[in-house]
Amino acid sequence: MSRPEMLRWLSDGTRVHTIDWTINGNGGVTYAVYGRVLAWMDLNDPERRHGDDPSAFADDLDDVRAARGTGHVRPAAMAFVERRTGVRLPAEWMSDEGADPQAGPWVTVRLGVIPPDPRPPSNFGHHEPDLDARLRAAPAPSTPCTRRWATG
């Protein structure tokens, strides 16, 4: 699992998804929002989840489940993250064939000063951090109406 203290800082004011794995094929997908790790899922057993809200990963796991026991677990997990975030990952990250383990994909973040403990930008974010972060990441035209409906 990615280090919780790093995820806490990186997810200050936003949502963060990570995928990590070992040379033995073990690893997981982690989702953090506003300084809280909401969900972690085992790459090899998507039913094995924990965190503040492991149900955040309850939807759209069919591809990850189908990849269990095959060489396609990491690509299925990356596609899962793409669907959740809308961020397109480079195609070469999806292939295990001929991959140079030293080549990455690696993303490095250096924090010069440790930030204070993250806080959600609203009270709604304290109670529904996943939904709040998704609404804030939504395209601008749909955001005001949706926020009024959600926060009622």
N, C-alpha and C. Protein backbone atom coordinates (compact mmCIF):
# COMPACT_ATOMS: atom_id res chain seq x y z
N MET A 1 0.86 -1.17 0.00
CA MET A 1 0.00 0.00 0.00
C MET A 1 0.90 1.23 0.00
N SER A 2 0.45 2.27 -0.64
CA SER A 2 1.16 3.55 -0.60
C SER A 2 1.14 4.08 0.82
N ARG A 3 2.14 4.83 1.16
CA ARG A 3 2.26 5.31 2.54
C ARG A 3 1.10 6.24 2.89
N PRO A 4 0.33 5.91 3.94
CA PRO A 4 -0.83 6.71 4.32
C PRO A 4 -0.51 8.17 4.60
N GLU A 5 0.66 8.44 5.21
CA GLU A 5 0.98 9.83 5.52
C GLU A 5 1.22 10.64 4.24
N MET A 6 1.78 10.01 3.22
CA MET A 6 1.96 10.70 1.94
C MET A 6 0.62 10.93 1.26
N LEU A 7 -0.23 9.91 1.28
CA LEU A 7 -1.56 10.07 0.69
C LEU A 7 -2.35 11.14 1.42
N ARG A 8 -2.17 11.23 2.72
CA ARG A 8 -2.86 12.27 3.49
C ARG A 8 -2.47 13.65 2.97
N TRP A 9 -1.21 13.87 2.74
CA TRP A 9 -0.74 15.18 2.29
C TRP A 9 -1.09 15.41 0.82
N LEU A 10 -0.91 14.39 -0.01
CA LEU A 10 -1.18 14.55 -1.44
C LEU A 10 -2.66 14.78 -1.73
N SER A 11 -3.53 14.24 -0.88
CA SER A 11 -4.97 14.37 -1.14
C SER A 11 -5.58 15.59 -0.47
N ASP A 12 -4.76 16.49 0.03
CA ASP A 12 -5.26 17.72 0.64
C ASP A 12 -5.99 18.55 -0.42
N GLY A 13 -7.31 18.65 -0.30
CA GLY A 13 -8.11 19.45 -1.23
C GLY A 13 -8.47 18.75 -2.52
N THR A 14 -8.15 17.48 -2.66
CA THR A 14 -8.43 16.77 -3.91
C THR A 14 -8.56 15.27 -3.64
N ARG A 15 -8.71 14.51 -4.71
CA ARG A 15 -8.73 13.06 -4.57
C ARG A 15 -7.54 12.46 -5.31
N VAL A 16 -7.01 11.38 -4.75
CA VAL A 16 -5.81 10.74 -5.28
C VAL A 16 -6.06 9.25 -5.41
N HIS A 17 -5.68 8.69 -6.55
CA HIS A 17 -5.71 7.24 -6.77
C HIS A 17 -4.28 6.77 -6.98
N THR A 18 -3.91 5.66 -6.37
CA THR A 18 -2.59 5.08 -6.61
C THR A 18 -2.75 3.60 -6.90
N ILE A 19 -1.82 3.09 -7.70
CA ILE A 19 -1.71 1.65 -7.94
C ILE A 19 -0.28 1.28 -7.63
N ASP A 20 -0.10 0.28 -6.79
CA ASP A 20 1.26 -0.16 -6.48
C ASP A 20 1.31 -1.67 -6.58
N TRP A 21 2.50 -2.19 -6.86
CA TRP A 21 2.67 -3.64 -6.96
C TRP A 21 4.11 -4.00 -6.66
N THR A 22 4.31 -5.26 -6.29
CA THR A 22 5.64 -5.78 -6.01
C THR A 22 6.07 -6.65 -7.17
N ILE A 23 7.31 -7.07 -7.13
CA ILE A 23 7.83 -7.93 -8.18
C ILE A 23 7.11 -9.28 -8.21
N ASN A 24 6.51 -9.68 -7.08
CA ASN A 24 5.76 -10.93 -6.98
C ASN A 24 4.33 -10.82 -7.48
N GLY A 25 3.91 -9.61 -7.88
CA GLY A 25 2.56 -9.43 -8.38
C GLY A 25 1.54 -9.02 -7.34
N ASN A 26 1.99 -8.85 -6.09
CA ASN A 26 1.07 -8.36 -5.06
C ASN A 26 0.99 -6.85 -5.16
N GLY A 27 -0.09 -6.28 -4.65
CA GLY A 27 -0.22 -4.84 -4.65
C GLY A 27 -1.66 -4.44 -4.46
N GLY A 28 -1.92 -3.17 -4.69
CA GLY A 28 -3.28 -2.70 -4.47
C GLY A 28 -3.55 -1.37 -5.13
N VAL A 29 -4.81 -0.98 -5.06
CA VAL A 29 -5.29 0.31 -5.53
C VAL A 29 -5.77 1.06 -4.29
N THR A 30 -5.31 2.30 -4.14
CA THR A 30 -5.69 3.11 -2.99
C THR A 30 -6.37 4.38 -3.47
N TYR A 31 -7.35 4.83 -2.71
CA TYR A 31 -8.10 6.04 -3.02
C TYR A 31 -8.15 6.89 -1.76
N ALA A 32 -7.63 8.12 -1.86
CA ALA A 32 -7.62 9.04 -0.73
C ALA A 32 -8.29 10.35 -1.13
N VAL A 33 -9.03 10.94 -0.19
CA VAL A 33 -9.73 12.21 -0.41
C VAL A 33 -9.60 13.05 0.84
N TYR A 34 -9.22 14.32 0.66
CA TYR A 34 -9.17 15.28 1.77
C TYR A 34 -8.40 14.74 2.98
N GLY A 35 -7.32 14.04 2.71
CA GLY A 35 -6.48 13.56 3.80
C GLY A 35 -6.90 12.25 4.42
N ARG A 36 -7.93 11.61 3.88
CA ARG A 36 -8.40 10.32 4.41
C ARG A 36 -8.27 9.24 3.36
N VAL A 37 -7.74 8.07 3.74
CA VAL A 37 -7.71 6.93 2.84
C VAL A 37 -9.09 6.28 2.93
N LEU A 38 -9.89 6.50 1.87
CA LEU A 38 -11.25 5.94 1.88
C LEU A 38 -11.27 4.47 1.54
N ALA A 39 -10.42 4.06 0.59
CA ALA A 39 -10.48 2.65 0.17
C ALA A 39 -9.12 2.16 -0.30
N TRP A 40 -8.84 0.92 0.01
CA TRP A 40 -7.72 0.17 -0.52
C TRP A 40 -8.27 -1.16 -0.99
N MET A 41 -7.82 -1.61 -2.17
CA MET A 41 -8.29 -2.87 -2.73
C MET A 41 -7.08 -3.71 -3.13
N ASP A 42 -7.08 -4.97 -2.77
CA ASP A 42 -6.03 -5.90 -3.16
C ASP A 42 -6.14 -6.16 -4.67
N LEU A 43 -5.03 -6.02 -5.39
CA LEU A 43 -5.05 -6.25 -6.84
C LEU A 43 -5.49 -7.67 -7.19
N ASN A 44 -5.08 -8.63 -6.39
CA ASN A 44 -5.36 -10.03 -6.70
C ASN A 44 -6.68 -10.54 -6.13
N ASP A 45 -7.30 -9.76 -5.28
CA ASP A 45 -8.59 -10.15 -4.70
C ASP A 45 -9.40 -8.88 -4.46
N PRO A 46 -10.14 -8.41 -5.48
CA PRO A 46 -10.88 -7.15 -5.35
C PRO A 46 -11.92 -7.14 -4.24
N GLU A 47 -12.27 -8.31 -3.72
CA GLU A 47 -13.22 -8.36 -2.61
C GLU A 47 -12.53 -8.01 -1.29
N ARG A 48 -11.23 -8.07 -1.27
CA ARG A 48 -10.46 -7.72 -0.06
C ARG A 48 -10.17 -6.23 -0.11
N ARG A 49 -10.95 -5.48 0.68
CA ARG A 49 -10.85 -4.02 0.71
C ARG A 49 -10.90 -3.54 2.15
N HIS A 50 -10.28 -2.40 2.39
CA HIS A 50 -10.40 -1.75 3.70
C HIS A 50 -10.20 -0.26 3.52
N GLY A 51 -10.35 0.49 4.60
CA GLY A 51 -10.25 1.94 4.58
C GLY A 51 -11.45 2.54 5.28
N ASP A 52 -11.54 3.87 5.28
CA ASP A 52 -12.65 4.55 5.92
C ASP A 52 -13.98 4.26 5.23
N ASP A 53 -13.94 4.02 3.91
CA ASP A 53 -15.16 3.71 3.14
C ASP A 53 -14.83 2.75 2.00
N PRO A 54 -14.57 1.47 2.32
CA PRO A 54 -14.19 0.52 1.28
C PRO A 54 -15.26 0.34 0.21
N SER A 55 -16.49 0.72 0.50
CA SER A 55 -17.56 0.60 -0.50
C SER A 55 -17.38 1.60 -1.64
N ALA A 56 -16.45 2.56 -1.50
CA ALA A 56 -16.18 3.50 -2.59
C ALA A 56 -15.74 2.77 -3.85
N PHE A 57 -15.21 1.56 -3.70
CA PHE A 57 -14.78 0.75 -4.84
C PHE A 57 -15.81 -0.32 -5.22
N ALA A 58 -17.00 -0.25 -4.70
CA ALA A 58 -17.98 -1.32 -4.93
C ALA A 58 -18.47 -1.40 -6.37
N ASP A 59 -18.48 -0.28 -7.08
CA ASP A 59 -18.99 -0.27 -8.46
C ASP A 59 -17.89 -0.51 -9.47
N ASP A 60 -18.24 -1.07 -10.59
CA ASP A 60 -17.37 -1.14 -11.76
C ASP A 60 -16.12 -1.97 -11.56
N LEU A 61 -16.21 -3.06 -10.81
CA LEU A 61 -15.05 -3.92 -10.60
C LEU A 61 -15.04 -5.16 -11.49
N ASP A 62 -15.97 -5.27 -12.43
CA ASP A 62 -16.08 -6.47 -13.25
C ASP A 62 -14.78 -6.80 -13.97
N ASP A 63 -14.12 -5.80 -14.57
CA ASP A 63 -12.87 -6.05 -15.29
C ASP A 63 -11.76 -6.50 -14.36
N VAL A 64 -11.69 -5.91 -13.18
CA VAL A 64 -10.64 -6.27 -12.22
C VAL A 64 -10.89 -7.70 -11.72
N ARG A 65 -12.14 -8.02 -11.46
CA ARG A 65 -12.47 -9.39 -11.04
C ARG A 65 -12.14 -10.40 -12.13
N ALA A 66 -12.47 -10.07 -13.37
CA ALA A 66 -12.23 -10.99 -14.50
C ALA A 66 -10.74 -11.20 -14.74
N ALA A 67 -9.92 -10.22 -14.39
CA ALA A 67 -8.48 -10.32 -14.62
C ALA A 67 -7.77 -11.14 -13.56
N ARG A 68 -8.45 -11.47 -12.48
CA ARG A 68 -7.84 -12.23 -11.39
C ARG A 68 -7.21 -13.51 -11.93
N GLY A 69 -5.97 -13.75 -11.54
CA GLY A 69 -5.29 -14.98 -11.93
C GLY A 69 -4.70 -14.93 -13.34
N THR A 70 -4.78 -13.79 -14.01
CA THR A 70 -4.22 -13.65 -15.34
C THR A 70 -3.08 -12.64 -15.29
N GLY A 71 -2.46 -12.41 -16.42
CA GLY A 71 -1.40 -11.42 -16.50
C GLY A 71 -1.94 -10.02 -16.75
N HIS A 72 -3.25 -9.84 -16.61
CA HIS A 72 -3.87 -8.57 -16.95
C HIS A 72 -4.41 -7.81 -15.74
N VAL A 73 -3.96 -8.18 -14.55
CA VAL A 73 -4.47 -7.55 -13.34
C VAL A 73 -4.12 -6.06 -13.28
N ARG A 74 -2.84 -5.74 -13.51
CA ARG A 74 -2.44 -4.33 -13.44
C ARG A 74 -3.13 -3.48 -14.51
N PRO A 75 -3.16 -3.93 -15.78
CA PRO A 75 -3.89 -3.13 -16.78
C PRO A 75 -5.37 -2.95 -16.43
N ALA A 76 -6.00 -3.99 -15.87
CA ALA A 76 -7.42 -3.87 -15.48
C ALA A 76 -7.57 -2.85 -14.35
N ALA A 77 -6.63 -2.86 -13.41
CA ALA A 77 -6.68 -1.89 -12.31
C ALA A 77 -6.45 -0.47 -12.83
N MET A 78 -5.54 -0.32 -13.78
CA MET A 78 -5.29 1.01 -14.35
C MET A 78 -6.51 1.51 -15.12
N ALA A 79 -7.18 0.60 -15.84
CA ALA A 79 -8.40 0.99 -16.55
C ALA A 79 -9.49 1.39 -15.55
N PHE A 80 -9.55 0.69 -14.43
CA PHE A 80 -10.49 1.03 -13.36
C PHE A 80 -10.24 2.46 -12.86
N VAL A 81 -8.96 2.81 -12.64
CA VAL A 81 -8.62 4.16 -12.19
C VAL A 81 -8.94 5.18 -13.28
N GLU A 82 -8.69 4.84 -14.54
CA GLU A 82 -9.04 5.74 -15.64
C GLU A 82 -10.53 6.06 -15.63
N ARG A 83 -11.36 5.03 -15.46
CA ARG A 83 -12.81 5.26 -15.45
C ARG A 83 -13.23 6.12 -14.27
N ARG A 84 -12.61 5.92 -13.11
CA ARG A 84 -12.97 6.69 -11.92
C ARG A 84 -12.54 8.14 -12.01
N THR A 85 -11.41 8.40 -12.67
CA THR A 85 -10.85 9.75 -12.67
C THR A 85 -11.08 10.51 -13.97
N GLY A 86 -11.26 9.79 -15.07
CA GLY A 86 -11.35 10.44 -16.37
C GLY A 86 -10.00 10.82 -16.92
N VAL A 87 -8.93 10.44 -16.23
CA VAL A 87 -7.56 10.73 -16.68
C VAL A 87 -7.06 9.55 -17.50
N ARG A 88 -6.63 9.83 -18.71
CA ARG A 88 -6.14 8.79 -19.62
C ARG A 88 -4.67 8.51 -19.30
N LEU A 89 -4.37 7.26 -18.97
CA LEU A 89 -2.99 6.86 -18.66
C LEU A 89 -2.29 6.47 -19.95
N PRO A 90 -0.97 6.66 -20.04
CA PRO A 90 -0.24 6.28 -21.25
C PRO A 90 -0.39 4.79 -21.55
N ALA A 91 -0.59 4.45 -22.82
CA ALA A 91 -0.83 3.06 -23.24
C ALA A 91 0.31 2.14 -22.83
N GLU A 92 1.54 2.63 -22.85
CA GLU A 92 2.68 1.75 -22.51
C GLU A 92 2.66 1.32 -21.05
N TRP A 93 1.92 2.03 -20.20
CA TRP A 93 1.81 1.62 -18.81
C TRP A 93 0.93 0.38 -18.67
N MET A 94 0.11 0.09 -19.66
CA MET A 94 -0.86 -1.00 -19.57
C MET A 94 -0.26 -2.36 -19.90
N SER A 95 0.88 -2.40 -20.55
CA SER A 95 1.43 -3.65 -21.03
C SER A 95 2.50 -4.18 -20.10
N ASP A 96 2.44 -5.48 -19.82
CA ASP A 96 3.49 -6.14 -19.05
C ASP A 96 4.53 -6.75 -19.98
N GLU A 97 4.19 -6.88 -21.26
CA GLU A 97 5.08 -7.55 -22.21
C GLU A 97 6.27 -6.66 -22.53
N GLY A 98 7.45 -7.20 -22.30
CA GLY A 98 8.66 -6.48 -22.62
C GLY A 98 8.89 -5.26 -21.75
N ALA A 99 8.17 -5.15 -20.65
CA ALA A 99 8.31 -3.98 -19.78
C ALA A 99 9.64 -4.04 -19.04
N ASP A 100 10.31 -2.94 -19.00
CA ASP A 100 11.54 -2.81 -18.23
C ASP A 100 11.16 -2.36 -16.83
N PRO A 101 11.36 -3.22 -15.81
CA PRO A 101 10.92 -2.86 -14.46
C PRO A 101 11.59 -1.59 -13.93
N GLN A 102 12.75 -1.23 -14.46
CA GLN A 102 13.43 -0.02 -14.02
C GLN A 102 12.87 1.23 -14.70
N ALA A 103 12.07 1.05 -15.77
CA ALA A 103 11.59 2.18 -16.55
C ALA A 103 10.34 2.83 -15.99
N GLY A 104 9.69 2.23 -15.05
CA GLY A 104 8.52 2.88 -14.46
C GLY A 104 7.25 2.19 -14.86
N PRO A 105 6.12 2.78 -14.79
CA PRO A 105 5.89 4.21 -14.60
C PRO A 105 6.09 4.63 -13.15
N TRP A 106 6.82 5.69 -12.96
CA TRP A 106 7.04 6.20 -11.63
C TRP A 106 6.67 7.67 -11.60
N VAL A 107 6.02 8.07 -10.56
CA VAL A 107 5.74 9.48 -10.33
C VAL A 107 6.35 9.81 -8.98
N THR A 108 7.13 10.87 -8.94
CA THR A 108 7.79 11.26 -7.71
C THR A 108 7.30 12.63 -7.29
N VAL A 109 6.95 12.75 -6.03
CA VAL A 109 6.53 14.03 -5.49
C VAL A 109 7.44 14.34 -4.31
N ARG A 110 7.99 15.53 -4.31
CA ARG A 110 8.84 15.96 -3.20
C ARG A 110 8.11 17.05 -2.44
N LEU A 111 7.97 16.84 -1.17
CA LEU A 111 7.35 17.85 -0.32
C LEU A 111 8.45 18.52 0.49
N GLY A 112 8.69 19.80 0.22
CA GLY A 112 9.72 20.51 0.94
C GLY A 112 9.30 20.79 2.38
N VAL A 113 8.08 21.21 2.55
CA VAL A 113 7.55 21.51 3.88
C VAL A 113 6.34 20.62 4.09
N ILE A 114 6.28 19.96 5.22
CA ILE A 114 5.13 19.10 5.49
C ILE A 114 3.92 19.99 5.74
N PRO A 115 2.86 19.82 4.93
CA PRO A 115 1.69 20.67 5.11
C PRO A 115 0.91 20.29 6.37
N PRO A 116 0.05 21.20 6.85
CA PRO A 116 -0.78 20.87 8.01
C PRO A 116 -1.79 19.79 7.63
N ASP A 117 -2.42 19.24 8.63
CA ASP A 117 -3.41 18.20 8.35
C ASP A 117 -4.47 18.73 7.39
N PRO A 118 -4.77 17.97 6.36
CA PRO A 118 -5.76 18.40 5.38
C PRO A 118 -7.16 18.47 5.98
N ARG A 119 -7.96 19.35 5.43
CA ARG A 119 -9.35 19.50 5.85
C ARG A 119 -10.20 19.60 4.59
N PRO A 120 -11.36 18.99 4.59
CA PRO A 120 -12.26 19.16 3.45
C PRO A 120 -12.64 20.63 3.28
N PRO A 121 -12.92 21.05 2.05
CA PRO A 121 -13.25 22.45 1.82
C PRO A 121 -14.64 22.86 2.30
N SER A 122 -15.46 21.89 2.75
CA SER A 122 -16.81 22.21 3.21
C SER A 122 -17.26 21.19 4.25
N ASN A 123 -18.34 21.50 4.94
CA ASN A 123 -18.91 20.53 5.89
C ASN A 123 -19.40 19.29 5.17
N PHE A 124 -19.93 19.47 3.96
CA PHE A 124 -20.39 18.32 3.17
C PHE A 124 -19.22 17.35 2.95
N GLY A 125 -18.01 17.90 2.73
CA GLY A 125 -16.82 17.07 2.54
C GLY A 125 -16.44 16.25 3.76
N HIS A 126 -16.82 16.71 4.94
CA HIS A 126 -16.56 15.92 6.16
C HIS A 126 -17.44 14.68 6.19
N HIS A 127 -18.67 14.80 5.71
CA HIS A 127 -19.63 13.70 5.80
C HIS A 127 -19.63 12.80 4.57
N GLU A 128 -19.41 13.38 3.40
CA GLU A 128 -19.41 12.63 2.14
C GLU A 128 -18.19 13.02 1.30
N PRO A 129 -16.98 12.66 1.75
CA PRO A 129 -15.78 13.12 1.04
C PRO A 129 -15.70 12.63 -0.41
N ASP A 130 -16.11 11.41 -0.67
CA ASP A 130 -16.05 10.88 -2.03
C ASP A 130 -16.96 11.67 -2.96
N LEU A 131 -18.21 11.85 -2.58
CA LEU A 131 -19.17 12.57 -3.41
C LEU A 131 -18.76 14.04 -3.56
N ASP A 132 -18.31 14.66 -2.48
CA ASP A 132 -17.89 16.05 -2.54
C ASP A 132 -16.73 16.23 -3.52
N ALA A 133 -15.73 15.36 -3.45
CA ALA A 133 -14.58 15.46 -4.35
C ALA A 133 -14.98 15.22 -5.79
N ARG A 134 -15.89 14.28 -6.03
CA ARG A 134 -16.36 14.03 -7.40
C ARG A 134 -17.12 15.23 -7.95
N LEU A 135 -17.96 15.84 -7.12
CA LEU A 135 -18.71 17.01 -7.57
C LEU A 135 -17.77 18.17 -7.89
N ARG A 136 -16.75 18.35 -7.08
CA ARG A 136 -15.81 19.44 -7.33
C ARG A 136 -14.97 19.20 -8.58
N ALA A 137 -14.80 17.93 -8.97
CA ALA A 137 -14.03 17.61 -10.17
C ALA A 137 -14.90 17.58 -11.43
N ALA A 138 -16.21 17.71 -11.27
CA ALA A 138 -17.14 17.65 -12.42
C ALA A 138 -16.95 18.87 -13.32
N PRO A 139 -17.30 18.72 -14.61
CA PRO A 139 -17.21 19.87 -15.52
C PRO A 139 -18.06 21.04 -15.00
N ALA A 140 -17.60 22.23 -15.22
CA ALA A 140 -18.23 23.45 -14.68
C ALA A 140 -19.72 23.58 -14.98
N PRO A 141 -20.22 23.29 -16.19
CA PRO A 141 -21.65 23.51 -16.45
C PRO A 141 -22.58 22.69 -15.57
N SER A 142 -22.16 21.50 -15.14
CA SER A 142 -23.05 20.65 -14.36
C SER A 142 -22.90 20.86 -12.86
N THR A 143 -21.85 21.52 -12.43
CA THR A 143 -21.52 21.60 -11.02
C THR A 143 -22.53 22.35 -10.15
N PRO A 144 -22.93 23.60 -10.44
CA PRO A 144 -23.81 24.32 -9.50
C PRO A 144 -25.13 23.61 -9.23
N CYS A 145 -25.79 23.14 -10.26
CA CYS A 145 -27.08 22.46 -10.10
C CYS A 145 -26.91 21.18 -9.29
N THR A 146 -25.88 20.41 -9.60
CA THR A 146 -25.65 19.15 -8.91
C THR A 146 -25.32 19.39 -7.44
N ARG A 147 -24.52 20.38 -7.14
CA ARG A 147 -24.18 20.69 -5.75
C ARG A 147 -25.41 21.08 -4.95
N ARG A 148 -26.28 21.91 -5.55
CA ARG A 148 -27.50 22.29 -4.84
C ARG A 148 -28.35 21.07 -4.55
N TRP A 149 -28.45 20.15 -5.52
CA TRP A 149 -29.26 18.95 -5.32
C TRP A 149 -28.64 18.06 -4.24
N ALA A 150 -27.33 17.89 -4.27
CA ALA A 150 -26.66 16.97 -3.34
C ALA A 150 -26.63 17.50 -1.91
N THR A 151 -26.47 18.79 -1.76
CA THR A 151 -26.34 19.35 -0.41
C THR A 151 -27.66 19.86 0.13
N GLY A 152 -28.70 19.83 -0.71
CA GLY A 152 -30.05 20.09 -0.42
C GLY A 152 -30.52 21.14 0.42
